[in-house]
N, C-alpha and C. Protein backbone atom coordinates (compact mmCIF):
# COMPACT_ATOMS: atom_id res chain seq x y z
N UNK A 1 -1.79 21.65 -2.13
CA UNK A 1 -2.93 20.75 -2.02
C UNK A 1 -2.42 19.35 -1.71
N UNK A 2 -2.99 18.74 -0.69
CA UNK A 2 -2.55 17.41 -0.28
C UNK A 2 -3.01 16.39 -1.30
N UNK A 3 -2.09 15.50 -1.67
CA UNK A 3 -2.48 14.45 -2.59
C UNK A 3 -1.54 13.26 -2.46
N UNK A 4 -2.06 12.12 -2.90
CA UNK A 4 -1.31 10.88 -2.90
C UNK A 4 -1.44 10.26 -4.28
N UNK A 5 -0.35 9.75 -4.81
CA UNK A 5 -0.35 9.13 -6.14
C UNK A 5 0.35 7.78 -6.05
N UNK A 6 -0.42 6.72 -6.31
CA UNK A 6 0.14 5.37 -6.28
C UNK A 6 0.64 4.96 -7.66
N UNK A 7 1.58 4.04 -7.65
CA UNK A 7 2.07 3.43 -8.89
C UNK A 7 2.69 2.08 -8.55
N UNK A 8 2.96 1.30 -9.60
CA UNK A 8 3.66 0.04 -9.41
C UNK A 8 2.83 -1.21 -9.51
N UNK A 9 1.54 -1.06 -9.70
CA UNK A 9 0.69 -2.24 -9.84
C UNK A 9 0.92 -2.93 -11.18
N UNK A 10 0.29 -4.08 -11.34
CA UNK A 10 0.42 -4.81 -12.59
C UNK A 10 -0.04 -6.24 -12.47
N UNK A 11 0.27 -7.01 -13.50
CA UNK A 11 -0.07 -8.43 -13.55
C UNK A 11 1.18 -9.24 -13.22
N UNK A 12 1.05 -10.16 -12.30
CA UNK A 12 2.19 -10.99 -11.91
C UNK A 12 1.70 -12.40 -11.64
N UNK A 13 2.57 -13.36 -11.87
CA UNK A 13 2.23 -14.76 -11.61
C UNK A 13 2.31 -15.06 -10.13
N UNK A 14 1.58 -16.07 -9.68
CA UNK A 14 1.70 -16.48 -8.27
C UNK A 14 3.16 -16.75 -7.91
N UNK A 15 3.54 -16.27 -6.73
CA UNK A 15 4.93 -16.39 -6.31
C UNK A 15 5.80 -15.22 -6.71
N UNK A 16 5.27 -14.35 -7.55
CA UNK A 16 6.03 -13.20 -8.01
C UNK A 16 6.02 -12.05 -7.03
N UNK A 17 6.65 -10.95 -7.43
CA UNK A 17 6.80 -9.78 -6.58
C UNK A 17 6.41 -8.51 -7.32
N UNK A 18 5.96 -7.53 -6.55
CA UNK A 18 5.71 -6.19 -7.04
C UNK A 18 6.08 -5.22 -5.93
N UNK A 19 6.45 -4.01 -6.33
CA UNK A 19 6.65 -2.94 -5.36
C UNK A 19 5.75 -1.77 -5.72
N UNK A 20 4.88 -1.43 -4.80
CA UNK A 20 3.99 -0.28 -4.97
C UNK A 20 4.64 0.95 -4.35
N UNK A 21 4.39 2.09 -4.98
CA UNK A 21 4.88 3.36 -4.46
C UNK A 21 3.73 4.31 -4.24
N UNK A 22 3.86 5.15 -3.23
CA UNK A 22 2.85 6.17 -2.94
C UNK A 22 3.59 7.48 -2.72
N UNK A 23 3.50 8.35 -3.70
CA UNK A 23 4.14 9.66 -3.61
C UNK A 23 3.17 10.63 -2.96
N UNK A 24 3.65 11.30 -1.92
CA UNK A 24 2.79 12.18 -1.14
C UNK A 24 3.31 13.61 -1.15
N UNK A 25 2.41 14.54 -0.97
CA UNK A 25 2.84 15.91 -0.78
C UNK A 25 3.47 16.03 0.60
N UNK A 26 4.46 16.89 0.69
CA UNK A 26 5.26 16.96 1.91
C UNK A 26 4.45 17.35 3.13
N UNK A 27 3.43 18.13 2.95
CA UNK A 27 2.68 18.62 4.11
C UNK A 27 1.91 17.54 4.82
N UNK A 28 1.64 16.42 4.17
CA UNK A 28 0.95 15.33 4.84
C UNK A 28 1.90 14.20 5.19
N UNK A 29 2.92 13.98 4.37
CA UNK A 29 3.80 12.84 4.59
C UNK A 29 4.59 12.98 5.88
N UNK A 30 5.04 14.16 6.18
CA UNK A 30 5.94 14.36 7.31
C UNK A 30 5.26 14.23 8.67
N UNK A 31 3.95 14.33 8.70
CA UNK A 31 3.25 14.33 9.98
C UNK A 31 2.30 13.17 10.16
N UNK A 32 2.17 12.32 9.18
CA UNK A 32 1.19 11.24 9.26
C UNK A 32 1.82 9.86 9.07
N UNK A 33 1.24 8.91 9.80
CA UNK A 33 1.50 7.52 9.44
C UNK A 33 0.89 7.28 8.06
N UNK A 34 1.46 6.35 7.34
CA UNK A 34 0.97 6.02 6.00
C UNK A 34 0.50 4.57 5.99
N UNK A 35 -0.54 4.32 5.22
CA UNK A 35 -1.08 2.96 5.18
C UNK A 35 -1.50 2.55 3.78
N UNK A 36 -1.55 1.25 3.60
CA UNK A 36 -2.07 0.66 2.37
C UNK A 36 -3.30 -0.18 2.71
N UNK A 37 -4.35 0.02 1.92
CA UNK A 37 -5.57 -0.78 2.02
C UNK A 37 -5.81 -1.42 0.65
N UNK A 38 -6.71 -2.40 0.61
CA UNK A 38 -7.00 -3.00 -0.68
C UNK A 38 -8.48 -3.35 -0.79
N UNK A 39 -8.91 -3.41 -2.04
CA UNK A 39 -10.30 -3.77 -2.34
C UNK A 39 -10.27 -4.84 -3.42
N UNK A 40 -10.70 -6.04 -3.04
CA UNK A 40 -10.73 -7.16 -3.97
C UNK A 40 -11.92 -7.02 -4.92
N UNK A 41 -11.86 -7.67 -6.08
CA UNK A 41 -12.96 -7.58 -7.05
C UNK A 41 -14.29 -8.01 -6.45
N UNK A 42 -15.30 -7.20 -6.62
CA UNK A 42 -16.63 -7.52 -6.14
C UNK A 42 -16.82 -7.38 -4.65
N UNK A 43 -15.83 -6.86 -3.95
CA UNK A 43 -15.92 -6.71 -2.49
C UNK A 43 -15.69 -5.26 -2.09
N UNK A 44 -16.08 -4.97 -0.87
CA UNK A 44 -15.82 -3.63 -0.33
C UNK A 44 -14.35 -3.54 0.10
N UNK A 45 -13.87 -2.32 0.19
CA UNK A 45 -12.50 -2.13 0.65
C UNK A 45 -12.37 -2.68 2.07
N UNK A 46 -11.31 -3.42 2.32
CA UNK A 46 -11.11 -4.02 3.64
C UNK A 46 -10.99 -2.92 4.69
N UNK A 47 -11.57 -3.19 5.86
CA UNK A 47 -11.57 -2.19 6.93
C UNK A 47 -10.22 -2.13 7.64
N UNK A 48 -9.47 -3.21 7.60
CA UNK A 48 -8.14 -3.23 8.21
C UNK A 48 -7.08 -2.96 7.15
N UNK A 49 -6.10 -2.16 7.52
CA UNK A 49 -5.03 -1.86 6.59
C UNK A 49 -4.19 -3.08 6.29
N UNK A 50 -3.75 -3.20 5.06
CA UNK A 50 -2.81 -4.26 4.71
C UNK A 50 -1.50 -4.03 5.47
N UNK A 51 -1.09 -2.77 5.53
CA UNK A 51 0.16 -2.43 6.22
C UNK A 51 0.12 -0.95 6.59
N UNK A 52 0.75 -0.64 7.72
CA UNK A 52 0.84 0.73 8.20
C UNK A 52 2.26 0.99 8.67
N UNK A 53 2.74 2.21 8.43
CA UNK A 53 4.04 2.61 8.95
C UNK A 53 3.91 4.00 9.57
N UNK A 54 4.38 4.15 10.80
CA UNK A 54 4.30 5.44 11.49
C UNK A 54 5.44 6.35 11.02
N UNK A 55 5.40 7.58 11.49
CA UNK A 55 6.48 8.52 11.16
C UNK A 55 7.81 8.07 11.76
N UNK A 56 7.74 7.24 12.80
CA UNK A 56 8.96 6.73 13.42
C UNK A 56 9.43 5.41 12.82
N UNK A 57 8.68 4.92 11.85
CA UNK A 57 9.08 3.68 11.19
C UNK A 57 8.53 2.41 11.79
N UNK A 58 7.64 2.54 12.75
CA UNK A 58 7.00 1.35 13.32
C UNK A 58 5.99 0.81 12.32
N UNK A 59 5.93 -0.52 12.22
CA UNK A 59 5.07 -1.11 11.19
C UNK A 59 4.06 -2.09 11.79
N UNK A 60 2.99 -2.29 11.05
CA UNK A 60 1.95 -3.23 11.43
C UNK A 60 1.39 -3.82 10.16
N UNK A 61 1.06 -5.13 10.21
CA UNK A 61 0.60 -5.83 9.01
C UNK A 61 -0.66 -6.64 9.29
N UNK A 62 -1.43 -6.81 8.22
CA UNK A 62 -2.53 -7.75 8.23
C UNK A 62 -1.93 -9.15 8.38
N UNK A 63 -2.57 -10.02 9.14
CA UNK A 63 -2.01 -11.35 9.37
C UNK A 63 -1.73 -12.10 8.07
N UNK A 64 -2.60 -11.93 7.09
CA UNK A 64 -2.48 -12.70 5.85
C UNK A 64 -1.28 -12.29 4.99
N UNK A 65 -0.66 -11.15 5.30
CA UNK A 65 0.48 -10.70 4.49
C UNK A 65 1.78 -10.69 5.28
N UNK A 66 1.72 -10.99 6.56
CA UNK A 66 2.94 -11.01 7.37
C UNK A 66 3.96 -11.98 6.80
N UNK A 67 5.20 -11.53 6.72
CA UNK A 67 6.26 -12.35 6.18
C UNK A 67 6.38 -12.28 4.67
N UNK A 68 5.39 -11.68 4.02
CA UNK A 68 5.43 -11.56 2.55
C UNK A 68 5.51 -10.10 2.10
N UNK A 69 4.85 -9.21 2.81
CA UNK A 69 4.81 -7.79 2.44
C UNK A 69 5.67 -6.98 3.42
N UNK A 70 6.29 -5.94 2.89
CA UNK A 70 7.07 -5.03 3.72
C UNK A 70 6.74 -3.60 3.34
N UNK A 71 6.36 -2.83 4.34
CA UNK A 71 6.08 -1.41 4.12
C UNK A 71 7.29 -0.60 4.57
N UNK A 72 7.58 0.45 3.83
CA UNK A 72 8.70 1.32 4.19
C UNK A 72 8.37 2.73 3.74
N UNK A 73 9.19 3.68 4.18
CA UNK A 73 8.99 5.06 3.77
C UNK A 73 10.33 5.75 3.60
N UNK A 74 10.37 6.59 2.60
CA UNK A 74 11.56 7.42 2.34
C UNK A 74 11.17 8.85 2.68
N UNK A 75 11.59 9.31 3.83
CA UNK A 75 11.17 10.62 4.31
C UNK A 75 11.79 11.76 3.51
N UNK A 76 12.89 11.50 2.85
CA UNK A 76 13.52 12.54 2.03
C UNK A 76 12.75 12.76 0.72
N UNK A 77 12.14 11.67 0.23
CA UNK A 77 11.43 11.74 -1.04
C UNK A 77 9.91 11.80 -0.87
N UNK A 78 9.43 11.68 0.37
CA UNK A 78 7.99 11.67 0.64
C UNK A 78 7.28 10.54 -0.11
N UNK A 79 7.87 9.37 -0.08
CA UNK A 79 7.30 8.21 -0.75
C UNK A 79 7.18 7.05 0.24
N UNK A 80 6.04 6.41 0.21
CA UNK A 80 5.83 5.18 0.97
C UNK A 80 5.82 4.02 -0.03
N UNK A 81 6.39 2.90 0.38
CA UNK A 81 6.48 1.74 -0.48
C UNK A 81 5.78 0.54 0.16
N UNK A 82 5.33 -0.35 -0.71
CA UNK A 82 4.85 -1.64 -0.25
C UNK A 82 5.49 -2.70 -1.13
N UNK A 83 6.47 -3.40 -0.58
CA UNK A 83 7.12 -4.50 -1.29
C UNK A 83 6.31 -5.76 -1.04
N UNK A 84 5.85 -6.36 -2.11
CA UNK A 84 4.99 -7.54 -2.01
C UNK A 84 5.70 -8.73 -2.66
N UNK A 85 6.02 -9.72 -1.85
CA UNK A 85 6.69 -10.93 -2.34
C UNK A 85 5.78 -12.14 -2.18
N UNK A 86 6.11 -13.20 -2.90
CA UNK A 86 5.33 -14.44 -2.84
C UNK A 86 3.84 -14.15 -2.98
N UNK A 87 3.50 -13.41 -3.99
CA UNK A 87 2.10 -13.00 -4.18
C UNK A 87 1.21 -14.19 -4.49
N UNK A 88 -0.01 -14.11 -4.00
CA UNK A 88 -1.00 -15.17 -4.16
C UNK A 88 -2.21 -14.62 -4.92
N UNK A 89 -2.97 -15.47 -5.57
CA UNK A 89 -4.17 -14.99 -6.28
C UNK A 89 -5.10 -14.19 -5.37
N UNK A 90 -5.18 -14.54 -4.12
CA UNK A 90 -6.07 -13.82 -3.20
C UNK A 90 -5.55 -12.42 -2.85
N UNK A 91 -4.36 -12.07 -3.30
CA UNK A 91 -3.85 -10.71 -3.12
C UNK A 91 -4.36 -9.78 -4.23
N UNK A 92 -5.02 -10.34 -5.22
CA UNK A 92 -5.56 -9.53 -6.31
C UNK A 92 -6.55 -8.50 -5.77
N UNK A 93 -6.30 -7.25 -6.08
CA UNK A 93 -7.12 -6.16 -5.56
C UNK A 93 -6.62 -4.83 -6.11
N UNK A 94 -7.41 -3.81 -5.91
CA UNK A 94 -6.92 -2.44 -6.09
C UNK A 94 -6.34 -2.02 -4.75
N UNK A 95 -5.12 -1.54 -4.78
CA UNK A 95 -4.42 -1.13 -3.57
C UNK A 95 -4.44 0.40 -3.47
N UNK A 96 -4.83 0.88 -2.30
CA UNK A 96 -4.95 2.31 -2.07
C UNK A 96 -4.00 2.74 -0.97
N UNK A 97 -3.41 3.88 -1.17
CA UNK A 97 -2.56 4.49 -0.17
C UNK A 97 -3.35 5.59 0.55
N UNK A 98 -3.11 5.73 1.83
CA UNK A 98 -3.77 6.79 2.59
C UNK A 98 -2.86 7.34 3.67
N UNK A 99 -3.10 8.59 4.02
CA UNK A 99 -2.46 9.17 5.19
C UNK A 99 -3.38 8.84 6.36
N UNK A 100 -2.89 8.02 7.28
CA UNK A 100 -3.73 7.51 8.35
C UNK A 100 -4.34 8.65 9.16
N UNK A 101 -5.64 8.51 9.42
CA UNK A 101 -6.34 9.51 10.23
C UNK A 101 -6.86 10.69 9.44
N UNK A 102 -6.66 10.66 8.14
CA UNK A 102 -7.17 11.72 7.27
C UNK A 102 -8.14 11.13 6.26
N UNK A 103 -8.74 11.97 5.48
CA UNK A 103 -9.62 11.50 4.40
C UNK A 103 -8.91 11.57 3.07
N UNK A 104 -7.60 11.57 3.12
CA UNK A 104 -6.79 11.68 1.91
C UNK A 104 -6.41 10.29 1.41
N UNK A 105 -6.86 9.99 0.20
CA UNK A 105 -6.60 8.69 -0.41
C UNK A 105 -6.05 8.90 -1.82
N UNK A 106 -5.27 7.94 -2.27
CA UNK A 106 -4.84 7.93 -3.65
C UNK A 106 -5.92 7.35 -4.54
N UNK A 107 -5.61 7.30 -5.82
CA UNK A 107 -6.59 6.84 -6.80
C UNK A 107 -6.61 5.32 -6.91
N UNK A 108 -5.61 4.67 -6.35
CA UNK A 108 -5.55 3.21 -6.38
C UNK A 108 -4.71 2.68 -7.53
N UNK A 109 -4.13 1.51 -7.31
CA UNK A 109 -3.36 0.83 -8.36
C UNK A 109 -3.73 -0.65 -8.35
N UNK A 110 -3.98 -1.19 -9.53
CA UNK A 110 -4.47 -2.56 -9.66
C UNK A 110 -3.32 -3.55 -9.55
N UNK A 111 -3.52 -4.54 -8.72
CA UNK A 111 -2.59 -5.67 -8.62
C UNK A 111 -3.36 -6.93 -8.96
N UNK A 112 -2.89 -7.66 -9.96
CA UNK A 112 -3.54 -8.89 -10.39
C UNK A 112 -2.52 -10.02 -10.33
N UNK A 113 -2.86 -11.05 -9.57
CA UNK A 113 -1.98 -12.21 -9.43
C UNK A 113 -2.67 -13.39 -10.09
N UNK A 114 -2.11 -13.81 -11.21
CA UNK A 114 -2.76 -14.86 -11.98
C UNK A 114 -1.74 -15.55 -12.87
N UNK A 115 -1.97 -16.84 -13.09
CA UNK A 115 -1.11 -17.57 -14.01
C UNK A 115 -1.71 -17.59 -15.41
């Protein structure tokens, strides 16, 4: 059964860092690009991905996170990562992992940036 499980969220001060992980079942990870989306408090989930990485390792980022966030994937472990540096209060959201082009989503992990 295809599934995605996120972890790594938490509370961090502005300027801090977090690394999110998305563990995927092998049958979806090996053939799909992986992406991270987020939903801020009181808002709908953003329609544009925060970050996407293809099976070949090509990446794309939301303009607001370029230079601060890095997406990567470990194909041996079937895990996608989102390294988030220099976090800002406006990054506060529930972050969701998805296999791009599918309806497969993780349960989400909360990231709160606050002093």
